[in-house]
Amino acid sequence: MLLLQSIFCLKGNDNRSRYLALAALAYALFVLFSAIFTGNFLVGFLLLLLCTSLLALTTKRRLHDAKQSERLLLIPAVLFFITGLATLFIADNGYYLLILPIISSAFFLSYVSKLTDRQVSYIYGYYGPVDLSSLKESSAPLQNRRIEPTLASQGITNQQFDTITTEVVNESVAQIKPQKDTINTTVTPQNDLGENIRLALFTNKKLQLGVALIAALLLITIIGITIANAIDNKSSKQALESEAQNQEKAGENSHKLIRNEPLPMPDNFTLYLSQHQGVIIHWQADDVENGQLWSQLSTQGDKSCNVINFNKGEDIRTVRVDVENINHYYAAFSPLDSKALIRALAFKGDFSLCGYKFSLKGSQAALSRNNHYGQYIDY
């Protein structure tokens, strides 16, 4: 818990190693978990807020450590938030955008610690109000712990035991002291590579110009890639939508029956033959909503339209009944029933369909005079 408090501490100092570890952790957590929860914007946004806070706080403590202005933390924090937000909207997860905040974060590694107190000791790279000394003590080596005086039972005198204990303690102190001195030693700017690079960058105008050109080129490249991906994604989406519409239209056309060879019958109904040589009966009746009135495939709709009833003989099932132009009814039958249906229309007295009754008086003569329908009548 103390270590977690030090990570989200507003005060204190972070040395280079700790800053590098925490900044890398912020970027890695965002990339990993945003990839896992791709498509869930809310989770990605909350994760981005957490990682941005982690990066901003460790940058602030790094600036304290280097005695620099706290306002500089806005550079990596704002860049990280903006580019991270952009990756959540890009379909292919444009994590390449994160190179901008990563470069800005790496810049703060060039600053050396400006702490001058020789008694300052970093614990896990941190120095501040959160006391981490208990964590350091818990990981101390075994020689610093109490040694029970069990050697006396093996023939060692009290004087010999005191001598052994004194030697162990002295040895422990000798091992600890150099480590503390090493921790407190600060690297001078003259001998620090990062400091020398930063100072050379700020004093060399040509080098500054070169870096600025590289940064501008990198930014233009990233923006270009982002725009190209956005255009490509939009084109792909439009292509998919167009393909889906074409497939939908193709599906509709494959189920749409073409009505050929109209033959008006005496009692105000008309016969058609579909492209599959199935019989279609058309009539005008009451106004209803356009669409499918009955479907044998789904068995949904007006049950009175499921069969055509003749006054004598077997009923014949309809495949579907559609309504067009409010009051135009079209009842379609299977091509397998074409012969039986046309013969029934020729030789029966009447039929009923969808609650409407029709007379077949004079239908035989009308069918016989038409070559397309007459061929089904077997004398």
Protein backbone atom coordinates (compact mmCIF):
# COMPACT_ATOMS: atom_id res chain seq x y z
CA MET A 1 0.00 0.00 0.00
CA LEU A 2 2.84 2.39 0.80
CA LEU A 3 4.44 1.71 -2.58
CA LEU A 4 1.11 2.45 -4.29
CA GLN A 5 0.79 5.69 -2.32
CA SER A 6 4.24 6.75 -3.46
CA ILE A 7 3.27 6.07 -7.10
CA PHE A 8 0.28 8.43 -6.89
CA CYS A 9 1.99 10.97 -4.63
CA LEU A 10 1.71 14.65 -5.60
CA LYS A 11 4.93 15.58 -3.83
CA GLY A 12 8.36 14.00 -3.57
CA ASN A 13 11.00 13.12 -6.13
CA ASP A 14 11.49 10.30 -8.65
CA ASN A 15 14.94 9.49 -9.92
CA ARG A 16 15.57 8.48 -13.52
CA SER A 17 15.15 4.72 -13.02
CA ARG A 18 11.81 5.05 -11.26
CA TYR A 19 10.54 7.60 -13.78
CA LEU A 20 11.50 5.34 -16.69
CA ALA A 21 9.77 2.34 -15.08
CA LEU A 22 6.53 4.19 -14.26
CA ALA A 23 6.30 5.98 -17.63
CA ALA A 24 6.86 2.68 -19.46
CA LEU A 25 4.22 1.07 -17.23
CA ALA A 26 1.67 3.77 -18.14
CA TYR A 27 2.20 3.29 -21.88
CA ALA A 28 2.28 -0.52 -21.65
CA LEU A 29 -0.91 -0.73 -19.57
CA PHE A 30 -2.81 1.46 -22.01
CA VAL A 31 -1.65 -0.43 -25.11
CA LEU A 32 -2.26 -3.86 -23.57
CA PHE A 33 -5.69 -3.35 -22.05
CA SER A 34 -7.08 -1.08 -24.77
CA ALA A 35 -6.21 -3.85 -27.23
CA ILE A 36 -7.96 -6.41 -25.02
CA PHE A 37 -11.10 -4.26 -24.68
CA THR A 38 -11.17 -3.07 -28.30
CA GLY A 39 -14.61 -1.77 -29.19
CA ASN A 40 -15.51 -0.79 -25.62
CA PHE A 41 -14.91 2.96 -25.63
CA LEU A 42 -15.91 3.54 -22.01
CA VAL A 43 -13.37 1.04 -20.64
CA GLY A 44 -10.69 2.43 -22.96
CA PHE A 45 -11.42 6.01 -21.90
CA LEU A 46 -11.28 5.19 -18.16
CA LEU A 47 -8.03 3.29 -18.74
CA LEU A 48 -6.61 6.30 -20.60
CA LEU A 49 -7.47 8.60 -17.67
CA LEU A 50 -5.73 6.26 -15.21
CA CYS A 51 -2.57 5.92 -17.31
CA THR A 52 -2.45 9.66 -18.01
CA SER A 53 -2.65 10.34 -14.27
CA LEU A 54 0.15 7.85 -13.62
CA LEU A 55 2.36 9.48 -16.27
CA ALA A 56 1.58 13.04 -15.13
CA LEU A 57 2.36 12.32 -11.46
CA THR A 58 5.69 10.58 -12.09
CA THR A 59 6.65 13.41 -14.51
CA LYS A 60 5.82 15.95 -11.82
CA ARG A 61 8.04 14.18 -9.26
CA ARG A 62 10.82 13.89 -11.87
CA LEU A 63 10.62 17.65 -12.41
CA HIS A 64 10.80 18.17 -8.63
CA ASP A 65 13.89 16.00 -8.58
CA ALA A 66 15.49 18.07 -11.35
CA LYS A 67 14.20 21.40 -9.93
CA GLN A 68 12.34 22.25 -13.14
CA SER A 69 8.98 23.94 -13.69
CA GLU A 70 5.94 21.75 -13.03
CA ARG A 71 4.23 23.15 -16.12
CA LEU A 72 6.48 21.00 -18.28
CA LEU A 73 4.46 17.90 -17.23
CA LEU A 74 1.65 19.11 -19.53
CA ILE A 75 3.76 18.23 -22.58
CA PRO A 76 3.80 14.42 -22.18
CA ALA A 77 0.48 14.26 -20.28
CA VAL A 78 -1.55 16.22 -22.85
CA LEU A 79 0.14 14.52 -25.80
CA PHE A 80 -0.53 11.10 -24.25
CA PHE A 81 -4.19 11.89 -23.60
CA ILE A 82 -4.83 13.31 -27.10
CA THR A 83 -3.00 10.55 -28.99
CA GLY A 84 -4.46 7.87 -26.71
CA LEU A 85 -7.95 9.22 -27.37
CA ALA A 86 -7.23 9.16 -31.10
CA THR A 87 -6.25 5.48 -30.96
CA LEU A 88 -9.64 4.65 -29.43
CA PHE A 89 -11.39 6.08 -32.51
CA ILE A 90 -9.09 4.54 -35.12
CA ALA A 91 -10.38 1.18 -36.34
CA ASP A 92 -6.96 -0.48 -36.63
CA ASN A 93 -5.72 0.88 -33.26
CA GLY A 94 -3.12 3.47 -34.33
CA TYR A 95 -0.70 2.97 -31.46
CA TYR A 96 2.03 4.52 -33.63
CA LEU A 97 0.60 7.88 -32.53
CA LEU A 98 2.01 7.25 -29.04
CA ILE A 99 5.53 7.85 -30.34
CA LEU A 100 4.98 11.61 -29.78
CA PRO A 101 4.35 11.44 -25.99
CA ILE A 102 7.03 8.72 -25.66
CA ILE A 103 9.65 11.04 -27.17
CA SER A 104 8.57 13.88 -24.89
CA SER A 105 8.76 11.56 -21.86
CA ALA A 106 12.23 10.40 -22.85
CA PHE A 107 13.37 14.03 -22.86
CA PHE A 108 12.93 14.28 -19.07
CA LEU A 109 15.39 11.44 -18.57
CA SER A 110 18.18 13.84 -19.54
CA TYR A 111 17.79 15.86 -16.34
CA VAL A 112 19.99 14.91 -13.42
CA SER A 113 18.92 15.08 -9.78
CA LYS A 114 19.51 18.45 -8.15
CA LEU A 115 19.17 17.23 -4.55
CA THR A 116 22.21 18.48 -2.62
CA ASP A 117 21.50 17.03 0.84
CA ARG A 118 24.06 14.28 1.44
CA GLN A 119 21.63 12.58 3.85
CA VAL A 120 18.97 12.08 1.12
CA SER A 121 18.51 8.43 0.29
CA TYR A 122 16.20 7.18 -2.47
CA ILE A 123 14.11 4.11 -1.66
CA TYR A 124 12.97 2.29 -4.79
CA GLY A 125 13.87 5.46 -6.70
CA TYR A 126 11.57 7.61 -4.56
CA TYR A 127 12.22 10.33 -1.99
CA GLY A 128 9.25 12.13 -0.47
CA PRO A 129 6.59 12.29 2.24
CA VAL A 130 5.59 8.62 1.93
CA ASP A 131 7.91 6.65 4.22
CA LEU A 132 9.12 3.53 2.39
CA SER A 133 11.82 2.69 4.95
CA SER A 134 9.75 -0.22 6.31
CA LEU A 135 9.82 -1.83 2.86
CA LYS A 136 13.59 -1.43 2.75
CA GLU A 137 14.02 -2.94 6.20
CA SER A 138 11.82 -5.93 5.36
CA SER A 139 14.15 -6.82 2.51
CA ALA A 140 17.36 -6.42 4.59
CA PRO A 141 19.91 -9.31 4.47
CA LEU A 142 19.88 -12.08 7.03
CA GLN A 143 23.06 -10.87 8.80
CA ASN A 144 21.20 -7.76 10.04
CA ARG A 145 18.67 -9.89 11.93
CA ARG A 146 18.94 -11.13 15.52
CA ILE A 147 21.03 -14.27 16.03
CA GLU A 148 19.81 -16.45 18.83
CA PRO A 149 22.62 -17.60 21.22
CA THR A 150 22.27 -21.30 20.43
CA LEU A 151 26.02 -21.81 19.81
CA ALA A 152 26.70 -21.90 23.56
CA SER A 153 25.10 -25.32 23.76
CA GLN A 154 27.71 -26.60 21.34
CA GLY A 155 30.67 -25.78 23.56
CA ILE A 156 31.24 -22.13 22.68
CA THR A 157 31.83 -19.87 25.68
CA ASN A 158 30.06 -16.56 26.29
CA GLN A 159 33.25 -14.66 25.50
CA GLN A 160 33.60 -16.47 22.17
CA PHE A 161 29.93 -15.77 21.36
CA ASP A 162 30.34 -12.06 22.11
CA THR A 163 33.34 -11.96 19.80
CA ILE A 164 31.39 -13.67 16.96
CA THR A 165 28.41 -11.34 17.40
CA THR A 166 30.63 -8.27 17.31
CA GLU A 167 32.33 -9.44 14.11
CA VAL A 168 28.97 -10.12 12.37
CA VAL A 169 27.61 -6.67 13.29
CA ASN A 170 30.79 -4.92 12.17
CA GLU A 171 30.74 -6.81 8.89
CA SER A 172 27.06 -5.86 8.31
CA VAL A 173 27.79 -2.19 8.97
CA ALA A 174 30.75 -2.31 6.63
CA GLN A 175 28.54 -3.75 3.86
CA ILE A 176 25.70 -1.28 4.34
CA LYS A 177 27.75 1.92 4.58
CA PRO A 178 29.29 1.84 1.08
CA GLN A 179 25.82 1.21 -0.42
CA LYS A 180 24.44 4.31 1.30
CA ASP A 181 27.32 6.41 0.10
CA THR A 182 26.75 5.15 -3.40
CA ILE A 183 23.06 6.07 -3.25
CA ASN A 184 23.77 9.57 -2.02
CA THR A 185 26.37 10.28 -4.67
CA THR A 186 24.95 12.50 -7.39
CA VAL A 187 26.20 12.50 -10.94
CA THR A 188 27.69 15.82 -11.91
CA PRO A 189 26.33 17.47 -15.05
CA GLN A 190 29.79 17.46 -16.59
CA ASN A 191 29.95 13.65 -16.49
CA ASP A 192 26.29 12.89 -17.31
CA LEU A 193 25.59 11.76 -20.87
CA GLY A 194 21.93 12.80 -20.91
CA GLU A 195 22.71 16.22 -19.51
CA ASN A 196 25.49 16.73 -22.06
CA ILE A 197 23.18 15.76 -24.95
CA ARG A 198 20.46 18.14 -23.78
CA LEU A 199 22.89 21.00 -23.29
CA ALA A 200 24.43 20.37 -26.70
CA LEU A 201 20.96 20.44 -28.24
CA PHE A 202 20.08 23.76 -26.64
CA THR A 203 23.38 25.43 -27.57
CA ASN A 204 23.74 24.12 -31.13
CA LYS A 205 21.31 25.88 -33.49
CA LYS A 206 22.03 23.53 -36.39
CA LEU A 207 21.30 20.53 -34.22
CA GLN A 208 18.10 22.17 -33.04
CA LEU A 209 17.04 22.78 -36.63
CA GLY A 210 17.77 19.17 -37.55
CA VAL A 211 15.77 17.83 -34.63
CA ALA A 212 12.90 20.21 -35.43
CA LEU A 213 12.85 19.03 -39.06
CA ILE A 214 12.87 15.39 -38.00
CA ALA A 215 10.06 16.04 -35.51
CA ALA A 216 8.03 17.92 -38.14
CA LEU A 217 8.58 15.13 -40.68
CA LEU A 218 7.56 12.55 -38.12
CA LEU A 219 4.44 14.51 -37.23
CA ILE A 220 3.47 14.96 -40.88
CA THR A 221 4.02 11.25 -41.51
CA ILE A 222 1.84 10.27 -38.56
CA ILE A 223 -0.92 12.68 -39.60
CA GLY A 224 -0.71 11.39 -43.18
CA ILE A 225 -0.95 7.78 -42.07
CA THR A 226 -3.91 8.62 -39.83
CA ILE A 227 -5.76 10.44 -42.62
CA ALA A 228 -4.98 7.65 -45.11
CA ASN A 229 -6.27 5.03 -42.68
CA ALA A 230 -9.42 7.07 -42.05
CA ILE A 231 -10.06 7.40 -45.80
CA ASP A 232 -9.34 3.72 -46.35
CA ASN A 233 -11.65 2.71 -43.51
CA LYS A 234 -14.39 4.97 -44.88
CA SER A 235 -13.97 3.51 -48.37
CA SER A 236 -14.01 -0.03 -47.00
CA LYS A 237 -17.14 0.74 -45.00
CA GLN A 238 -18.87 2.21 -48.05
CA ALA A 239 -17.82 -0.81 -50.13
CA LEU A 240 -19.21 -3.18 -47.52
CA GLU A 241 -22.46 -1.23 -47.30
CA SER A 242 -22.77 -1.19 -51.09
CA GLU A 243 -22.09 -4.92 -51.26
CA ALA A 244 -24.67 -5.57 -48.55
CA GLN A 245 -27.24 -3.49 -50.43
CA ASN A 246 -26.49 -5.34 -53.67
CA GLN A 247 -26.84 -8.68 -51.91
CA GLU A 248 -30.10 -7.53 -50.37
CA LYS A 249 -31.41 -6.42 -53.76
CA ALA A 250 -30.24 -9.68 -55.31
CA GLY A 251 -32.04 -11.57 -52.58
CA GLU A 252 -35.20 -9.58 -53.17
CA ASN A 253 -35.00 -10.15 -56.90
CA SER A 254 -34.44 -13.87 -56.45
CA HIS A 255 -37.71 -14.11 -54.43
CA LYS A 256 -39.66 -11.69 -56.61
CA LEU A 257 -41.95 -13.48 -59.04
CA ILE A 258 -42.14 -12.15 -62.57
CA ARG A 259 -45.69 -12.19 -63.85
CA ASN A 260 -45.98 -13.32 -67.49
CA GLU A 261 -48.81 -14.26 -69.85
CA PRO A 262 -51.75 -12.41 -68.26
CA LEU A 263 -55.12 -14.05 -68.93
CA PRO A 264 -58.29 -12.19 -67.75
CA MET A 265 -60.98 -14.55 -66.49
CA PRO A 266 -64.77 -14.01 -66.57
CA ASP A 267 -65.26 -13.29 -62.84
CA ASN A 268 -62.86 -10.34 -62.49
CA PHE A 269 -59.61 -12.17 -61.72
CA THR A 270 -56.52 -12.64 -63.85
CA LEU A 271 -54.11 -15.53 -64.27
CA TYR A 272 -50.34 -15.15 -64.68
CA LEU A 273 -47.44 -17.57 -65.13
CA SER A 274 -44.27 -16.89 -63.14
CA GLN A 275 -40.74 -17.30 -64.50
CA HIS A 276 -40.86 -20.77 -62.93
CA GLN A 277 -44.16 -21.61 -64.68
CA GLY A 278 -46.10 -21.36 -61.45
CA VAL A 279 -49.65 -20.01 -61.55
CA ILE A 280 -50.39 -16.57 -60.03
CA ILE A 281 -53.97 -15.44 -59.40
CA HIS A 282 -54.58 -11.69 -59.24
CA TRP A 283 -57.72 -9.83 -58.13
CA GLN A 284 -58.75 -6.54 -56.61
CA ALA A 285 -60.41 -6.40 -53.19
CA ASP A 286 -60.48 -4.47 -49.92
CA ASP A 287 -57.75 -1.97 -49.09
CA VAL A 288 -55.06 -3.40 -46.80
CA GLU A 289 -51.44 -2.60 -46.01
CA ASN A 290 -48.95 -3.44 -48.73
CA GLY A 291 -46.71 -6.43 -48.12
CA GLN A 292 -46.90 -10.15 -47.64
CA LEU A 293 -50.36 -11.27 -46.56
CA TRP A 294 -49.43 -14.95 -46.23
CA SER A 295 -46.27 -17.07 -46.48
CA GLN A 296 -46.21 -20.84 -46.53
CA LEU A 297 -42.49 -20.79 -45.63
CA SER A 298 -43.02 -18.95 -42.34
CA THR A 299 -46.71 -19.93 -41.90
CA GLN A 300 -47.31 -16.31 -40.88
CA GLY A 301 -50.19 -14.16 -42.05
CA ASP A 302 -53.85 -14.51 -42.96
CA LYS A 303 -54.76 -18.19 -42.50
CA SER A 304 -57.64 -17.86 -44.97
CA CYS A 305 -55.03 -17.44 -47.72
CA ASN A 306 -53.16 -20.71 -47.06
CA VAL A 307 -55.20 -22.74 -49.60
CA ILE A 308 -57.51 -22.25 -52.56
CA ASN A 309 -60.83 -24.04 -51.96
CA PHE A 310 -62.78 -25.45 -54.88
CA ASN A 311 -66.44 -26.48 -54.63
CA LYS A 312 -65.45 -30.02 -55.48
CA GLY A 313 -62.07 -31.67 -55.23
CA GLU A 314 -58.94 -31.23 -53.10
CA ASP A 315 -57.61 -27.91 -51.89
CA ILE A 316 -54.31 -26.62 -53.24
CA ARG A 317 -51.82 -24.78 -51.01
CA THR A 318 -50.64 -21.30 -51.86
CA VAL A 319 -46.93 -20.50 -51.64
CA ARG A 320 -47.46 -16.81 -50.79
CA VAL A 321 -49.98 -14.01 -51.11
CA ASP A 322 -48.78 -10.44 -51.62
CA VAL A 323 -50.64 -7.14 -51.63
CA GLU A 324 -49.51 -4.29 -53.89
CA ASN A 325 -50.99 -0.82 -54.43
CA ILE A 326 -53.23 -1.22 -51.38
CA ASN A 327 -55.88 -3.47 -53.00
CA HIS A 328 -54.13 -5.66 -55.60
CA TYR A 329 -53.85 -9.25 -54.36
CA TYR A 330 -51.44 -11.76 -55.91
CA ALA A 331 -51.64 -15.43 -54.84
CA ALA A 332 -48.71 -17.53 -56.06
CA PHE A 333 -48.69 -21.34 -56.34
CA SER A 334 -45.97 -23.92 -56.77
CA PRO A 335 -45.02 -24.93 -60.34
CA LEU A 336 -45.63 -28.53 -59.23
CA ASP A 337 -49.32 -27.69 -58.82
CA SER A 338 -49.74 -25.80 -62.10
CA LYS A 339 -51.42 -28.60 -64.03
CA ALA A 340 -53.78 -29.58 -61.20
CA LEU A 341 -54.66 -25.95 -60.51
CA ILE A 342 -55.41 -25.04 -64.17
CA ARG A 343 -57.53 -28.18 -64.62
CA ALA A 344 -59.46 -27.31 -61.46
CA LEU A 345 -59.99 -23.76 -62.72
CA ALA A 346 -61.27 -25.21 -66.01
CA PHE A 347 -63.63 -27.90 -64.70
CA LYS A 348 -64.82 -26.76 -61.25
CA GLY A 349 -67.73 -24.45 -60.55
CA ASP A 350 -66.18 -21.91 -58.16
CA PHE A 351 -63.38 -21.31 -55.66
CA SER A 352 -62.65 -19.20 -52.60
CA LEU A 353 -59.36 -17.63 -51.63
CA CYS A 354 -58.49 -15.25 -48.76
CA GLY A 355 -62.20 -15.01 -47.90
CA TYR A 356 -63.24 -14.00 -51.43
CA LYS A 357 -65.38 -16.26 -53.65
CA PHE A 358 -65.09 -16.42 -57.44
CA SER A 359 -67.26 -18.12 -60.10
CA LEU A 360 -65.59 -20.28 -62.73
CA LYS A 361 -68.39 -20.08 -65.30
CA GLY A 362 -66.81 -19.74 -68.76
CA SER A 363 -63.30 -20.39 -67.45
CA GLN A 364 -62.78 -23.56 -69.49
CA ALA A 365 -63.31 -21.74 -72.78
CA ALA A 366 -60.96 -18.92 -71.75
CA LEU A 367 -58.21 -21.36 -70.77
CA SER A 368 -58.58 -23.54 -73.87
CA ARG A 369 -58.12 -20.59 -76.25
CA ASN A 370 -54.74 -19.72 -74.68
CA ASN A 371 -51.76 -21.82 -75.74
CA HIS A 372 -49.86 -21.29 -72.47
CA TYR A 373 -52.71 -22.49 -70.26
CA GLY A 374 -54.52 -24.76 -72.67
CA GLN A 375 -51.61 -27.21 -72.77
CA TYR A 376 -52.32 -28.17 -69.15
CA ILE A 377 -55.87 -29.27 -69.95
CA ASP A 378 -55.93 -32.98 -70.79
CA TYR A 379 -58.98 -34.05 -72.70
